[in-house]
N, C-alpha and C. Protein backbone atom coordinates (compact mmCIF):
# COMPACT_ATOMS: atom_id res chain seq x y z
N MET A 1 15.54 7.66 20.72
CA MET A 1 14.84 7.50 19.43
C MET A 1 14.48 8.86 18.87
N ASN A 2 14.79 9.07 17.61
CA ASN A 2 14.43 10.31 16.94
C ASN A 2 13.66 9.97 15.68
N ILE A 3 12.35 10.04 15.76
CA ILE A 3 11.50 9.64 14.65
C ILE A 3 11.76 10.48 13.42
N LEU A 4 11.86 11.77 13.61
CA LEU A 4 12.08 12.65 12.47
C LEU A 4 13.43 12.38 11.81
N SER A 5 14.45 12.14 12.62
CA SER A 5 15.78 11.83 12.08
C SER A 5 15.75 10.53 11.28
N ASN A 6 15.09 9.51 11.81
CA ASN A 6 14.96 8.25 11.08
C ASN A 6 14.24 8.45 9.76
N TYR A 7 13.18 9.22 9.81
CA TYR A 7 12.39 9.51 8.61
C TYR A 7 13.24 10.20 7.55
N LEU A 8 13.95 11.22 7.95
CA LEU A 8 14.77 11.99 6.99
C LEU A 8 15.89 11.13 6.42
N SER A 9 16.44 10.25 7.24
CA SER A 9 17.49 9.35 6.76
C SER A 9 16.96 8.41 5.69
N ILE A 10 15.77 7.84 5.94
CA ILE A 10 15.18 6.93 4.96
C ILE A 10 14.76 7.67 3.71
N LYS A 11 14.21 8.87 3.87
CA LYS A 11 13.85 9.68 2.70
C LYS A 11 15.08 9.94 1.83
N ASN A 12 16.20 10.20 2.47
CA ASN A 12 17.43 10.46 1.73
C ASN A 12 17.90 9.21 0.98
N LYS A 13 17.84 8.06 1.65
CA LYS A 13 18.24 6.80 1.00
C LYS A 13 17.35 6.51 -0.21
N ILE A 14 16.05 6.76 -0.06
CA ILE A 14 15.13 6.54 -1.17
C ILE A 14 15.47 7.46 -2.33
N SER A 15 15.74 8.72 -2.04
CA SER A 15 16.01 9.69 -3.11
C SER A 15 17.30 9.36 -3.86
N ILE A 16 18.25 8.75 -3.18
CA ILE A 16 19.49 8.34 -3.85
C ILE A 16 19.22 7.20 -4.83
N LEU A 17 18.32 6.30 -4.45
CA LEU A 17 18.02 5.14 -5.29
C LEU A 17 17.02 5.46 -6.40
N SER A 18 16.13 6.41 -6.15
CA SER A 18 15.06 6.69 -7.11
C SER A 18 14.51 8.09 -6.88
N ASN A 19 14.15 8.74 -7.98
CA ASN A 19 13.51 10.05 -7.84
C ASN A 19 12.00 9.96 -8.02
N SER A 20 11.49 8.73 -8.08
CA SER A 20 10.05 8.57 -8.33
C SER A 20 9.36 7.63 -7.35
N THR A 21 10.07 7.14 -6.34
CA THR A 21 9.47 6.20 -5.39
C THR A 21 8.85 6.97 -4.22
N LYS A 22 7.59 6.66 -3.93
CA LYS A 22 6.85 7.35 -2.88
C LYS A 22 6.95 6.55 -1.58
N LEU A 23 7.19 7.25 -0.49
CA LEU A 23 7.26 6.64 0.83
C LEU A 23 5.90 6.68 1.51
N VAL A 24 5.38 5.51 1.84
CA VAL A 24 4.18 5.40 2.67
C VAL A 24 4.65 5.05 4.08
N VAL A 25 4.47 5.96 5.02
CA VAL A 25 4.86 5.74 6.40
C VAL A 25 3.78 4.92 7.10
N VAL A 26 4.14 3.72 7.54
CA VAL A 26 3.17 2.81 8.16
C VAL A 26 3.05 3.13 9.64
N THR A 27 1.84 3.51 10.04
CA THR A 27 1.64 4.03 11.39
C THR A 27 0.81 3.13 12.29
N LYS A 28 0.59 1.89 11.87
CA LYS A 28 -0.17 0.97 12.73
C LYS A 28 0.54 0.84 14.08
N ASN A 29 -0.24 0.84 15.13
CA ASN A 29 0.24 0.69 16.51
C ASN A 29 1.00 1.91 17.03
N TYR A 30 1.07 2.97 16.26
CA TYR A 30 1.72 4.20 16.74
C TYR A 30 0.66 5.29 16.89
N ASN A 31 0.86 6.15 17.92
CA ASN A 31 -0.16 7.15 18.19
C ASN A 31 0.17 8.48 17.52
N ILE A 32 -0.79 9.38 17.57
CA ILE A 32 -0.65 10.65 16.86
C ILE A 32 0.51 11.48 17.41
N ASN A 33 0.80 11.39 18.70
CA ASN A 33 1.95 12.12 19.24
C ASN A 33 3.26 11.69 18.58
N GLN A 34 3.35 10.41 18.25
CA GLN A 34 4.54 9.90 17.56
C GLN A 34 4.54 10.30 16.08
N ILE A 35 3.36 10.43 15.51
CA ILE A 35 3.24 10.72 14.08
C ILE A 35 3.34 12.21 13.79
N ASP A 36 2.97 13.04 14.75
CA ASP A 36 2.92 14.49 14.55
C ASP A 36 4.19 15.10 13.95
N PRO A 37 5.40 14.68 14.38
CA PRO A 37 6.59 15.29 13.77
C PRO A 37 6.66 15.10 12.25
N LEU A 38 6.11 13.99 11.76
CA LEU A 38 6.13 13.72 10.32
C LEU A 38 5.07 14.55 9.61
N ILE A 39 3.91 14.71 10.22
CA ILE A 39 2.87 15.58 9.65
C ILE A 39 3.39 17.01 9.58
N ASN A 40 4.03 17.44 10.66
CA ASN A 40 4.57 18.80 10.71
C ASN A 40 5.69 19.02 9.70
N ALA A 41 6.37 17.92 9.33
CA ALA A 41 7.43 18.01 8.32
C ALA A 41 6.87 18.00 6.90
N GLY A 42 5.54 17.85 6.79
CA GLY A 42 4.90 17.91 5.49
C GLY A 42 4.59 16.58 4.84
N HIS A 43 4.83 15.48 5.57
CA HIS A 43 4.53 14.18 4.97
C HIS A 43 3.02 13.96 4.95
N VAL A 44 2.52 13.36 3.85
CA VAL A 44 1.07 13.20 3.72
C VAL A 44 0.63 11.75 3.50
N ASP A 45 1.53 10.85 3.12
CA ASP A 45 1.16 9.48 2.80
C ASP A 45 1.42 8.55 3.98
N PHE A 46 0.35 8.05 4.58
CA PHE A 46 0.45 7.19 5.75
C PHE A 46 -0.34 5.90 5.53
N GLY A 47 0.21 4.79 6.02
CA GLY A 47 -0.40 3.48 5.83
C GLY A 47 -0.90 2.89 7.13
N GLU A 48 -2.06 2.26 7.06
CA GLU A 48 -2.65 1.57 8.21
C GLU A 48 -3.08 0.17 7.79
N ASN A 49 -3.03 -0.77 8.74
CA ASN A 49 -3.43 -2.15 8.47
C ASN A 49 -4.88 -2.43 8.79
N ARG A 50 -5.42 -1.72 9.77
CA ARG A 50 -6.77 -2.02 10.24
C ARG A 50 -7.67 -0.79 10.11
N VAL A 51 -8.87 -1.03 9.61
CA VAL A 51 -9.79 0.07 9.32
C VAL A 51 -10.20 0.80 10.59
N GLN A 52 -10.54 0.07 11.64
CA GLN A 52 -11.04 0.74 12.85
C GLN A 52 -9.95 1.57 13.50
N GLU A 53 -8.75 1.04 13.58
CA GLU A 53 -7.65 1.82 14.16
C GLU A 53 -7.41 3.09 13.34
N ALA A 54 -7.46 2.96 12.04
CA ALA A 54 -7.25 4.11 11.17
C ALA A 54 -8.35 5.15 11.38
N SER A 55 -9.58 4.70 11.51
CA SER A 55 -10.69 5.62 11.73
C SER A 55 -10.55 6.37 13.04
N ASP A 56 -10.23 5.63 14.09
CA ASP A 56 -10.06 6.26 15.41
C ASP A 56 -8.93 7.30 15.40
N LYS A 57 -7.90 7.02 14.66
CA LYS A 57 -6.69 7.85 14.67
C LYS A 57 -6.76 9.04 13.72
N TRP A 58 -7.32 8.82 12.54
CA TRP A 58 -7.16 9.79 11.46
C TRP A 58 -8.41 10.58 11.08
N SER A 59 -9.58 10.15 11.49
CA SER A 59 -10.82 10.76 10.97
C SER A 59 -10.85 12.27 11.10
N ASN A 60 -10.35 12.79 12.21
CA ASN A 60 -10.39 14.24 12.43
C ASN A 60 -9.19 14.98 11.87
N LEU A 61 -8.24 14.25 11.29
CA LEU A 61 -7.01 14.88 10.82
C LEU A 61 -6.90 14.97 9.30
N ILE A 62 -7.60 14.11 8.59
CA ILE A 62 -7.40 13.98 7.16
C ILE A 62 -7.65 15.29 6.42
N SER A 63 -8.80 15.90 6.66
CA SER A 63 -9.17 17.09 5.88
C SER A 63 -8.31 18.30 6.20
N TYR A 64 -7.73 18.33 7.39
CA TYR A 64 -6.95 19.50 7.78
C TYR A 64 -5.51 19.45 7.28
N ASN A 65 -5.02 18.30 6.97
CA ASN A 65 -3.60 18.17 6.64
C ASN A 65 -3.35 17.55 5.27
N ASN A 66 -4.39 17.43 4.45
CA ASN A 66 -4.25 16.83 3.12
C ASN A 66 -3.68 15.42 3.19
N ILE A 67 -4.00 14.71 4.26
CA ILE A 67 -3.48 13.36 4.46
C ILE A 67 -4.04 12.41 3.42
N GLN A 68 -3.15 11.56 2.87
CA GLN A 68 -3.55 10.49 1.97
C GLN A 68 -3.34 9.18 2.73
N LEU A 69 -4.45 8.51 3.07
CA LEU A 69 -4.35 7.27 3.82
C LEU A 69 -4.32 6.07 2.88
N HIS A 70 -3.43 5.14 3.16
CA HIS A 70 -3.25 3.93 2.37
C HIS A 70 -3.61 2.73 3.24
N LEU A 71 -4.57 1.93 2.81
CA LEU A 71 -4.86 0.68 3.51
C LEU A 71 -3.93 -0.39 2.95
N ILE A 72 -3.09 -0.94 3.82
CA ILE A 72 -2.10 -1.92 3.37
C ILE A 72 -2.35 -3.31 3.94
N GLY A 73 -3.37 -3.44 4.79
CA GLY A 73 -3.66 -4.73 5.41
C GLY A 73 -4.86 -5.41 4.78
N ASN A 74 -5.10 -6.63 5.18
CA ASN A 74 -6.23 -7.40 4.69
C ASN A 74 -7.54 -6.70 5.04
N LEU A 75 -8.47 -6.72 4.10
CA LEU A 75 -9.75 -6.04 4.29
C LEU A 75 -10.90 -7.03 4.20
N GLN A 76 -11.72 -7.09 5.24
CA GLN A 76 -12.92 -7.90 5.21
C GLN A 76 -14.04 -7.12 4.54
N SER A 77 -14.90 -7.82 3.84
CA SER A 77 -15.94 -7.15 3.05
C SER A 77 -16.87 -6.30 3.91
N ASN A 78 -17.09 -6.70 5.17
CA ASN A 78 -17.99 -5.92 6.02
C ASN A 78 -17.38 -4.59 6.48
N LYS A 79 -16.09 -4.40 6.21
CA LYS A 79 -15.42 -3.14 6.53
C LYS A 79 -15.18 -2.29 5.28
N ALA A 80 -15.64 -2.78 4.14
CA ALA A 80 -15.30 -2.11 2.87
C ALA A 80 -15.88 -0.70 2.80
N LYS A 81 -17.11 -0.51 3.22
CA LYS A 81 -17.72 0.82 3.13
C LYS A 81 -16.99 1.82 4.02
N GLN A 82 -16.64 1.40 5.22
CA GLN A 82 -15.89 2.29 6.12
C GLN A 82 -14.53 2.60 5.53
N ALA A 83 -13.89 1.61 4.94
CA ALA A 83 -12.58 1.83 4.30
C ALA A 83 -12.71 2.78 3.12
N PHE A 84 -13.77 2.62 2.35
CA PHE A 84 -13.99 3.47 1.18
C PHE A 84 -14.09 4.94 1.59
N ASN A 85 -14.76 5.20 2.69
CA ASN A 85 -14.94 6.57 3.14
C ASN A 85 -13.67 7.18 3.71
N LEU A 86 -12.74 6.35 4.14
CA LEU A 86 -11.57 6.82 4.87
C LEU A 86 -10.29 6.89 4.03
N PHE A 87 -10.09 5.90 3.18
CA PHE A 87 -8.81 5.74 2.50
C PHE A 87 -8.82 6.32 1.08
N SER A 88 -7.63 6.77 0.67
CA SER A 88 -7.43 7.23 -0.71
C SER A 88 -6.87 6.12 -1.59
N TYR A 89 -6.11 5.21 -0.97
CA TYR A 89 -5.50 4.10 -1.67
C TYR A 89 -5.83 2.80 -0.95
N ILE A 90 -6.10 1.76 -1.72
CA ILE A 90 -6.24 0.40 -1.19
C ILE A 90 -5.13 -0.43 -1.83
N HIS A 91 -4.21 -0.96 -1.00
CA HIS A 91 -3.09 -1.74 -1.52
C HIS A 91 -3.37 -3.24 -1.50
N SER A 92 -4.54 -3.64 -1.01
CA SER A 92 -4.78 -5.06 -0.72
C SER A 92 -6.05 -5.60 -1.37
N LEU A 93 -6.37 -5.13 -2.56
CA LEU A 93 -7.52 -5.66 -3.28
C LEU A 93 -7.20 -7.08 -3.74
N ASP A 94 -8.03 -8.05 -3.32
CA ASP A 94 -7.63 -9.43 -3.58
C ASP A 94 -8.80 -10.40 -3.78
N SER A 95 -9.99 -9.86 -4.10
CA SER A 95 -11.11 -10.77 -4.37
C SER A 95 -12.14 -10.07 -5.24
N GLN A 96 -12.87 -10.87 -6.02
CA GLN A 96 -13.93 -10.32 -6.86
C GLN A 96 -15.03 -9.71 -6.00
N LYS A 97 -15.33 -10.34 -4.87
CA LYS A 97 -16.38 -9.82 -4.00
C LYS A 97 -16.04 -8.41 -3.52
N LEU A 98 -14.82 -8.22 -3.07
CA LEU A 98 -14.38 -6.92 -2.58
C LEU A 98 -14.35 -5.90 -3.72
N ALA A 99 -13.86 -6.31 -4.86
CA ALA A 99 -13.80 -5.40 -6.01
C ALA A 99 -15.20 -4.93 -6.40
N LYS A 100 -16.17 -5.85 -6.39
CA LYS A 100 -17.55 -5.48 -6.75
C LYS A 100 -18.14 -4.52 -5.74
N ILE A 101 -17.84 -4.72 -4.46
CA ILE A 101 -18.35 -3.80 -3.43
C ILE A 101 -17.81 -2.40 -3.68
N PHE A 102 -16.53 -2.29 -3.95
CA PHE A 102 -15.94 -0.97 -4.20
C PHE A 102 -16.51 -0.34 -5.47
N SER A 103 -16.72 -1.16 -6.48
CA SER A 103 -17.32 -0.64 -7.71
C SER A 103 -18.70 -0.06 -7.44
N ASP A 104 -19.51 -0.78 -6.69
CA ASP A 104 -20.85 -0.30 -6.36
C ASP A 104 -20.80 0.99 -5.53
N LEU A 105 -19.85 1.06 -4.61
CA LEU A 105 -19.69 2.27 -3.79
C LEU A 105 -19.29 3.46 -4.66
N GLU A 106 -18.43 3.23 -5.61
CA GLU A 106 -17.99 4.32 -6.49
C GLU A 106 -19.12 4.80 -7.39
N ILE A 107 -19.96 3.89 -7.83
CA ILE A 107 -21.08 4.25 -8.69
C ILE A 107 -22.03 5.21 -7.97
N SER A 108 -22.21 4.99 -6.67
CA SER A 108 -23.14 5.81 -5.89
C SER A 108 -22.44 6.99 -5.19
N SER A 109 -21.20 7.24 -5.56
CA SER A 109 -20.41 8.31 -4.92
C SER A 109 -19.57 9.00 -5.98
N LYS A 110 -19.14 10.20 -5.65
CA LYS A 110 -18.22 10.92 -6.54
C LYS A 110 -16.77 10.51 -6.29
N LYS A 111 -16.53 9.76 -5.24
CA LYS A 111 -15.17 9.40 -4.87
C LYS A 111 -14.64 8.25 -5.72
N LYS A 112 -13.38 8.36 -6.12
CA LYS A 112 -12.68 7.28 -6.81
C LYS A 112 -11.42 6.96 -6.02
N ILE A 113 -11.24 5.68 -5.72
CA ILE A 113 -10.07 5.23 -4.97
C ILE A 113 -9.01 4.71 -5.95
N LYS A 114 -7.77 4.77 -5.51
CA LYS A 114 -6.66 4.19 -6.29
C LYS A 114 -6.34 2.82 -5.69
N TYR A 115 -6.26 1.82 -6.55
CA TYR A 115 -6.14 0.44 -6.08
C TYR A 115 -4.83 -0.21 -6.52
N PHE A 116 -4.30 -1.03 -5.62
CA PHE A 116 -3.28 -2.01 -5.96
C PHE A 116 -3.89 -3.40 -5.76
N ILE A 117 -3.63 -4.29 -6.68
CA ILE A 117 -4.04 -5.68 -6.50
C ILE A 117 -2.93 -6.42 -5.78
N GLN A 118 -3.28 -7.04 -4.65
CA GLN A 118 -2.29 -7.79 -3.89
C GLN A 118 -2.11 -9.17 -4.51
N VAL A 119 -0.85 -9.51 -4.78
CA VAL A 119 -0.51 -10.79 -5.39
C VAL A 119 0.19 -11.67 -4.36
N ASN A 120 -0.26 -12.90 -4.26
CA ASN A 120 0.41 -13.87 -3.38
C ASN A 120 1.62 -14.41 -4.14
N ILE A 121 2.67 -13.59 -4.15
CA ILE A 121 3.79 -13.81 -5.06
C ILE A 121 4.59 -15.07 -4.72
N GLY A 122 4.57 -15.48 -3.45
CA GLY A 122 5.28 -16.69 -3.05
C GLY A 122 4.40 -17.91 -2.95
N ASN A 123 3.14 -17.77 -3.36
CA ASN A 123 2.17 -18.86 -3.30
C ASN A 123 2.13 -19.48 -1.91
N GLU A 124 2.02 -18.62 -0.89
CA GLU A 124 2.02 -19.05 0.50
C GLU A 124 0.58 -19.18 1.00
N PRO A 125 0.19 -20.34 1.48
CA PRO A 125 -1.22 -20.55 1.87
C PRO A 125 -1.69 -19.66 3.00
N GLN A 126 -0.77 -19.18 3.84
CA GLN A 126 -1.17 -18.36 4.98
C GLN A 126 -1.33 -16.88 4.62
N LYS A 127 -0.98 -16.51 3.40
CA LYS A 127 -1.04 -15.11 3.00
C LYS A 127 -2.21 -14.82 2.07
N ASN A 128 -2.68 -13.58 2.15
CA ASN A 128 -3.73 -13.13 1.25
C ASN A 128 -3.12 -12.76 -0.10
N GLY A 129 -3.99 -12.57 -1.06
CA GLY A 129 -3.53 -12.13 -2.37
C GLY A 129 -4.03 -13.05 -3.48
N ILE A 130 -4.11 -12.49 -4.67
CA ILE A 130 -4.49 -13.24 -5.86
C ILE A 130 -3.32 -14.13 -6.28
N SER A 131 -3.59 -15.37 -6.61
CA SER A 131 -2.52 -16.24 -7.09
C SER A 131 -2.08 -15.78 -8.48
N VAL A 132 -0.82 -16.05 -8.79
CA VAL A 132 -0.25 -15.57 -10.05
C VAL A 132 -1.04 -16.11 -11.24
N ASN A 133 -1.48 -17.35 -11.17
CA ASN A 133 -2.17 -17.93 -12.33
C ASN A 133 -3.58 -17.39 -12.53
N LYS A 134 -4.12 -16.66 -11.57
CA LYS A 134 -5.44 -16.05 -11.72
C LYS A 134 -5.37 -14.52 -11.88
N LEU A 135 -4.15 -14.00 -11.90
CA LEU A 135 -3.97 -12.55 -11.84
C LEU A 135 -4.48 -11.83 -13.09
N ASN A 136 -4.11 -12.30 -14.26
CA ASN A 136 -4.49 -11.60 -15.49
C ASN A 136 -6.01 -11.47 -15.61
N GLU A 137 -6.70 -12.55 -15.30
CA GLU A 137 -8.17 -12.55 -15.36
C GLU A 137 -8.75 -11.55 -14.37
N PHE A 138 -8.17 -11.51 -13.16
CA PHE A 138 -8.68 -10.61 -12.12
C PHE A 138 -8.43 -9.15 -12.50
N ILE A 139 -7.26 -8.86 -13.05
CA ILE A 139 -6.96 -7.49 -13.48
C ILE A 139 -7.98 -7.03 -14.52
N LYS A 140 -8.26 -7.88 -15.50
CA LYS A 140 -9.23 -7.53 -16.55
C LYS A 140 -10.62 -7.30 -15.96
N TYR A 141 -10.99 -8.13 -15.00
CA TYR A 141 -12.29 -7.96 -14.35
C TYR A 141 -12.37 -6.60 -13.64
N CYS A 142 -11.34 -6.26 -12.91
CA CYS A 142 -11.35 -5.00 -12.15
C CYS A 142 -11.35 -3.78 -13.07
N ILE A 143 -10.54 -3.82 -14.10
CA ILE A 143 -10.38 -2.65 -14.97
C ILE A 143 -11.47 -2.58 -16.03
N ASN A 144 -11.69 -3.66 -16.74
CA ASN A 144 -12.62 -3.63 -17.87
C ASN A 144 -14.08 -3.73 -17.44
N ASP A 145 -14.37 -4.63 -16.51
CA ASP A 145 -15.75 -4.84 -16.11
C ASP A 145 -16.22 -3.84 -15.04
N LEU A 146 -15.37 -3.57 -14.08
CA LEU A 146 -15.77 -2.72 -12.95
C LEU A 146 -15.29 -1.28 -13.07
N LYS A 147 -14.38 -1.02 -14.00
CA LYS A 147 -13.87 0.34 -14.22
C LYS A 147 -13.16 0.91 -12.99
N LEU A 148 -12.49 0.04 -12.23
CA LEU A 148 -11.73 0.51 -11.08
C LEU A 148 -10.40 1.08 -11.54
N ASN A 149 -9.91 2.06 -10.79
CA ASN A 149 -8.64 2.71 -11.11
C ASN A 149 -7.50 1.90 -10.49
N VAL A 150 -7.12 0.83 -11.17
CA VAL A 150 -6.05 -0.04 -10.68
C VAL A 150 -4.71 0.55 -11.13
N LEU A 151 -3.93 0.99 -10.16
CA LEU A 151 -2.63 1.58 -10.46
C LEU A 151 -1.57 0.54 -10.75
N GLY A 152 -1.59 -0.55 -9.97
CA GLY A 152 -0.52 -1.52 -10.09
C GLY A 152 -0.71 -2.71 -9.15
N LEU A 153 0.41 -3.33 -8.82
CA LEU A 153 0.40 -4.56 -8.02
C LEU A 153 1.15 -4.36 -6.71
N MET A 154 0.76 -5.15 -5.73
CA MET A 154 1.40 -5.13 -4.41
C MET A 154 1.76 -6.55 -4.01
N CYS A 155 2.87 -6.70 -3.28
CA CYS A 155 3.20 -8.02 -2.74
C CYS A 155 3.94 -7.90 -1.42
N ILE A 156 3.89 -8.98 -0.67
CA ILE A 156 4.71 -9.17 0.52
C ILE A 156 5.46 -10.48 0.29
N PRO A 157 6.75 -10.44 -0.02
CA PRO A 157 7.47 -11.67 -0.35
C PRO A 157 7.66 -12.56 0.87
N PRO A 158 7.97 -13.83 0.66
CA PRO A 158 8.27 -14.73 1.79
C PRO A 158 9.34 -14.12 2.69
N ILE A 159 9.17 -14.34 3.99
CA ILE A 159 10.05 -13.69 4.96
C ILE A 159 11.47 -14.24 4.91
N GLU A 160 11.61 -15.48 4.51
CA GLU A 160 12.93 -16.10 4.46
C GLU A 160 13.55 -15.94 3.07
N GLY A 161 14.85 -15.70 3.05
CA GLY A 161 15.57 -15.69 1.79
C GLY A 161 15.58 -14.32 1.11
N ASP A 162 16.22 -14.29 -0.04
CA ASP A 162 16.39 -13.07 -0.82
C ASP A 162 15.08 -12.75 -1.54
N PRO A 163 14.55 -11.53 -1.34
CA PRO A 163 13.27 -11.19 -1.98
C PRO A 163 13.40 -10.78 -3.44
N THR A 164 14.62 -10.69 -3.95
CA THR A 164 14.84 -10.15 -5.29
C THR A 164 13.99 -10.83 -6.35
N GLN A 165 13.97 -12.16 -6.34
CA GLN A 165 13.23 -12.88 -7.38
C GLN A 165 11.75 -12.55 -7.36
N TYR A 166 11.21 -12.30 -6.16
CA TYR A 166 9.78 -12.01 -6.04
C TYR A 166 9.48 -10.59 -6.51
N PHE A 167 10.36 -9.66 -6.20
CA PHE A 167 10.19 -8.29 -6.69
C PHE A 167 10.30 -8.25 -8.21
N LYS A 168 11.25 -8.97 -8.76
CA LYS A 168 11.39 -9.01 -10.21
C LYS A 168 10.16 -9.64 -10.86
N CYS A 169 9.64 -10.68 -10.26
CA CYS A 169 8.45 -11.34 -10.79
C CYS A 169 7.25 -10.39 -10.79
N LEU A 170 7.07 -9.65 -9.69
CA LEU A 170 5.95 -8.71 -9.62
C LEU A 170 6.09 -7.63 -10.70
N ALA A 171 7.31 -7.15 -10.90
CA ALA A 171 7.55 -6.14 -11.93
C ALA A 171 7.20 -6.68 -13.31
N GLU A 172 7.54 -7.92 -13.56
CA GLU A 172 7.24 -8.54 -14.85
C GLU A 172 5.73 -8.69 -15.04
N LEU A 173 5.04 -9.09 -13.99
CA LEU A 173 3.59 -9.24 -14.06
C LEU A 173 2.90 -7.90 -14.32
N ALA A 174 3.39 -6.86 -13.67
CA ALA A 174 2.82 -5.53 -13.89
C ALA A 174 3.06 -5.07 -15.33
N ASN A 175 4.26 -5.31 -15.83
CA ASN A 175 4.58 -4.91 -17.19
C ASN A 175 3.71 -5.64 -18.21
N GLU A 176 3.49 -6.92 -17.98
CA GLU A 176 2.65 -7.72 -18.88
C GLU A 176 1.22 -7.18 -18.96
N ASN A 177 0.78 -6.55 -17.89
CA ASN A 177 -0.59 -6.05 -17.83
C ASN A 177 -0.68 -4.53 -17.95
N ASN A 178 0.41 -3.91 -18.40
CA ASN A 178 0.44 -2.46 -18.64
C ASN A 178 0.10 -1.65 -17.39
N LEU A 179 0.60 -2.12 -16.25
CA LEU A 179 0.43 -1.41 -14.98
C LEU A 179 1.77 -0.77 -14.60
N ASN A 180 1.71 0.48 -14.16
CA ASN A 180 2.94 1.25 -13.96
C ASN A 180 3.45 1.29 -12.54
N GLU A 181 2.61 0.95 -11.56
CA GLU A 181 3.01 1.15 -10.16
C GLU A 181 3.22 -0.18 -9.45
N LEU A 182 4.19 -0.18 -8.54
CA LEU A 182 4.53 -1.38 -7.76
C LEU A 182 4.64 -0.99 -6.29
N SER A 183 3.77 -1.55 -5.46
CA SER A 183 3.83 -1.35 -4.02
C SER A 183 4.55 -2.55 -3.42
N MET A 184 5.82 -2.38 -3.14
CA MET A 184 6.61 -3.50 -2.59
C MET A 184 7.82 -2.94 -1.87
N GLY A 185 8.19 -3.64 -0.80
CA GLY A 185 9.32 -3.21 0.01
C GLY A 185 8.87 -2.61 1.33
N MET A 186 9.46 -3.15 2.41
CA MET A 186 9.18 -2.64 3.75
C MET A 186 10.52 -2.29 4.42
N SER A 187 10.50 -2.11 5.72
CA SER A 187 11.68 -1.59 6.41
C SER A 187 12.94 -2.41 6.15
N ASN A 188 12.79 -3.73 6.05
CA ASN A 188 13.97 -4.60 5.94
C ASN A 188 14.41 -4.86 4.51
N ASP A 189 13.59 -4.47 3.52
CA ASP A 189 13.96 -4.82 2.15
C ASP A 189 13.62 -3.73 1.12
N TYR A 190 13.35 -2.51 1.60
CA TYR A 190 12.89 -1.47 0.67
C TYR A 190 13.96 -1.07 -0.35
N GLU A 191 15.23 -1.14 0.03
CA GLU A 191 16.27 -0.76 -0.92
C GLU A 191 16.32 -1.76 -2.08
N CYS A 192 16.20 -3.05 -1.76
CA CYS A 192 16.13 -4.08 -2.79
C CYS A 192 14.90 -3.89 -3.66
N ALA A 193 13.78 -3.55 -3.04
CA ALA A 193 12.54 -3.34 -3.79
C ALA A 193 12.68 -2.18 -4.77
N ILE A 194 13.27 -1.09 -4.32
CA ILE A 194 13.44 0.07 -5.20
C ILE A 194 14.34 -0.27 -6.38
N LYS A 195 15.40 -1.01 -6.12
CA LYS A 195 16.31 -1.41 -7.20
C LYS A 195 15.60 -2.27 -8.24
N ASN A 196 14.49 -2.89 -7.83
CA ASN A 196 13.74 -3.75 -8.75
C ASN A 196 12.42 -3.13 -9.20
N GLY A 197 12.31 -1.81 -9.02
CA GLY A 197 11.20 -1.10 -9.63
C GLY A 197 10.09 -0.60 -8.74
N ALA A 198 10.21 -0.72 -7.42
CA ALA A 198 9.15 -0.26 -6.52
C ALA A 198 8.89 1.23 -6.72
N THR A 199 7.63 1.59 -6.83
CA THR A 199 7.25 3.00 -6.89
C THR A 199 6.59 3.47 -5.60
N PHE A 200 6.18 2.52 -4.76
CA PHE A 200 5.68 2.80 -3.41
C PHE A 200 6.36 1.83 -2.45
N VAL A 201 6.95 2.34 -1.38
CA VAL A 201 7.50 1.48 -0.33
C VAL A 201 6.75 1.78 0.96
N ARG A 202 6.58 0.76 1.80
CA ARG A 202 5.75 0.86 3.00
C ARG A 202 6.64 0.63 4.22
N ILE A 203 6.97 1.71 4.93
CA ILE A 203 7.98 1.62 6.00
C ILE A 203 7.41 2.13 7.31
N GLY A 204 7.50 1.28 8.34
CA GLY A 204 7.03 1.66 9.67
C GLY A 204 8.12 1.55 10.71
N SER A 205 8.56 0.33 11.01
CA SER A 205 9.51 0.12 12.11
C SER A 205 10.85 0.83 11.85
N GLY A 206 11.24 0.94 10.61
CA GLY A 206 12.49 1.64 10.30
C GLY A 206 12.47 3.11 10.68
N ILE A 207 11.27 3.66 10.84
CA ILE A 207 11.12 5.06 11.23
C ILE A 207 10.83 5.18 12.72
N PHE A 208 9.98 4.31 13.26
CA PHE A 208 9.49 4.49 14.62
C PHE A 208 10.26 3.71 15.68
N SER A 209 11.11 2.76 15.27
CA SER A 209 11.83 1.98 16.28
C SER A 209 13.25 2.50 16.45
N ASP A 210 13.90 2.04 17.53
CA ASP A 210 15.27 2.45 17.81
C ASP A 210 16.27 1.71 16.94
N ASN A 211 15.86 0.60 16.34
CA ASN A 211 16.81 -0.24 15.59
C ASN A 211 17.10 0.33 14.21
């Protein structure tokens, strides 16, 4: 396994498809020894699913390496303050309660986070995210009422079948709401996501595994 080689290969594939798509390297379940080659290569955008794991792993590294941490997993409200202090991007904003907590934290702090609203694009009951029919109202609440810096939308399409229709739908929803960024695409479907407008892709196993 050559982590750096995998990383450079994926970076090259992304650059061929798009000159504006940002790679978020997903480092959940991987240790700093595995991540170090990417930090040394100058990569700064890393994604974590769990707040505590991210804190244990990154707290002493962020300020020294200009690391930009992206929370890409579900966030419970009781972890919101810890997440606020640690992350630069939240890709999984999906409730009014959570949005209000972040708004209150920003009011009492100089820090501003960049947010993606997670959309339950396949209307799957087991997945988190705002339903499509409630999305416009939620976007207005976050931007107009709470003054959050919402960059765009995020989705995880159904695991079965072609994800193209879901990526296209997310792009249309973002366009309707004047949002420019799309966080979509993982190791198995990032090329399809980029072809359909992804500006952030979240890749872990494609870099850290032998496959």
